[in-house]
Amino acid sequence: SETKCMKSEGASGGLVDWTVSDVVSYFTTAGFPEQAAAFRTQEIDGKSLLLMQRNDVLTGLSIRLGPALKIYERHVKVLQKTHFEDDDC
């Protein structure tokens, strides 16, 4: 099970170690370059990303509702879920 844990960490280390730039490039790569700028403006790093609630993404970042919902449902929520599942390792 150790290899599973290492694999899920990903190449760039755990989400907790992500810098603001890592978060920005993640969302840029995910297809949200405009919205990624909001994460930079708000200085959201990996630790902050882990703590974000749905409402933070929808209202706190000043991004349009459509993209904000996609970002939260498909990315933030998924990253958080993966992170907290890996914590048992």
Protein backbone atom coordinates (compact mmCIF):
# COMPACT_ATOMS: atom_id res chain seq x y z
CA SER A 1 0.00 0.00 0.00
CA GLU A 2 3.03 2.27 0.35
CA THR A 3 3.43 2.59 -3.40
CA LYS A 4 -0.21 3.60 -3.72
CA CYS A 5 0.45 6.44 -1.29
CA MET A 6 3.54 7.60 -3.11
CA LYS A 7 1.85 7.42 -6.48
CA SER A 8 -1.13 9.50 -5.44
CA GLU A 9 1.18 12.18 -4.08
CA GLY A 10 1.92 13.14 -7.67
CA ALA A 11 5.18 14.44 -9.05
CA SER A 12 5.03 17.90 -7.47
CA GLY A 13 4.64 16.65 -3.91
CA GLY A 14 1.50 16.92 -1.81
CA LEU A 15 -1.12 19.61 -2.20
CA VAL A 16 0.04 21.14 1.08
CA ASP A 17 3.38 21.94 -0.56
CA TRP A 18 1.85 23.74 -3.54
CA THR A 19 2.80 27.39 -3.89
CA VAL A 20 0.49 30.06 -5.27
CA SER A 21 2.24 29.56 -8.63
CA ASP A 22 1.55 25.81 -8.51
CA VAL A 23 -2.14 26.47 -7.91
CA VAL A 24 -2.24 29.03 -10.73
CA SER A 25 -0.51 26.73 -13.20
CA TYR A 26 -2.78 23.84 -12.18
CA PHE A 27 -5.93 25.80 -13.01
CA THR A 28 -4.36 27.27 -16.14
CA THR A 29 -3.55 23.75 -17.35
CA ALA A 30 -7.03 22.59 -16.34
CA GLY A 31 -8.42 25.12 -18.81
CA PHE A 32 -9.22 28.06 -16.55
CA PRO A 33 -6.47 30.58 -17.33
CA GLU A 34 -8.63 33.66 -16.61
CA GLN A 35 -9.91 32.22 -13.34
CA ALA A 36 -6.43 31.08 -12.34
CA ALA A 37 -5.48 34.75 -12.06
CA ALA A 38 -8.05 35.11 -9.26
CA PHE A 39 -6.22 32.45 -7.26
CA ARG A 40 -3.03 34.50 -7.64
CA THR A 41 -4.78 37.74 -6.64
CA GLN A 42 -6.18 36.06 -3.53
CA GLU A 43 -2.83 34.34 -2.87
CA ILE A 44 -4.33 30.86 -2.69
CA ASP A 45 -1.64 28.25 -2.14
CA GLY A 46 -2.08 24.52 -1.60
CA LYS A 47 -2.90 24.85 2.09
CA SER A 48 -5.51 27.52 1.38
CA LEU A 49 -6.96 25.42 -1.42
CA LEU A 50 -7.47 22.53 1.00
CA LEU A 51 -9.46 24.78 3.31
CA MET A 52 -11.67 26.33 0.65
CA GLN A 53 -15.39 25.74 0.93
CA ARG A 54 -17.80 25.82 -1.98
CA ASN A 55 -18.86 29.33 -1.03
CA ASP A 56 -15.27 30.60 -1.00
CA VAL A 57 -14.83 29.51 -4.60
CA LEU A 58 -18.23 30.83 -5.73
CA THR A 59 -18.10 34.21 -4.03
CA GLY A 60 -14.63 34.81 -2.63
CA LEU A 61 -12.70 34.74 -5.89
CA SER A 62 -14.88 37.13 -7.92
CA ILE A 63 -15.12 34.73 -10.84
CA ARG A 64 -18.24 34.00 -12.88
CA LEU A 65 -20.60 31.43 -11.43
CA GLY A 66 -20.36 28.89 -14.28
CA PRO A 67 -16.58 28.51 -14.22
CA ALA A 68 -16.55 28.78 -10.43
CA LEU A 69 -18.92 25.82 -10.10
CA LYS A 70 -16.81 23.73 -12.48
CA ILE A 71 -13.62 24.67 -10.67
CA TYR A 72 -15.12 23.70 -7.34
CA GLU A 73 -16.91 20.49 -8.38
CA ARG A 74 -14.30 19.09 -10.77
CA HIS A 75 -11.09 20.31 -9.19
CA VAL A 76 -11.10 21.77 -5.68
CA LYS A 77 -13.43 19.09 -4.30
CA VAL A 78 -11.52 16.32 -6.08
CA LEU A 79 -8.11 17.58 -4.88
CA GLN A 80 -9.39 17.83 -1.32
CA LYS A 81 -10.93 14.36 -1.42
CA THR A 82 -7.73 12.84 -2.80
CA HIS A 83 -5.62 14.65 -0.23
CA PHE A 84 -7.68 13.60 2.76
CA GLU A 85 -7.90 9.99 1.55
CA ASP A 86 -4.12 9.87 1.20
CA ASP A 87 -3.67 11.13 4.74
CA ASP A 88 -4.29 7.68 6.22
CA CYS A 89 -1.08 6.41 4.62
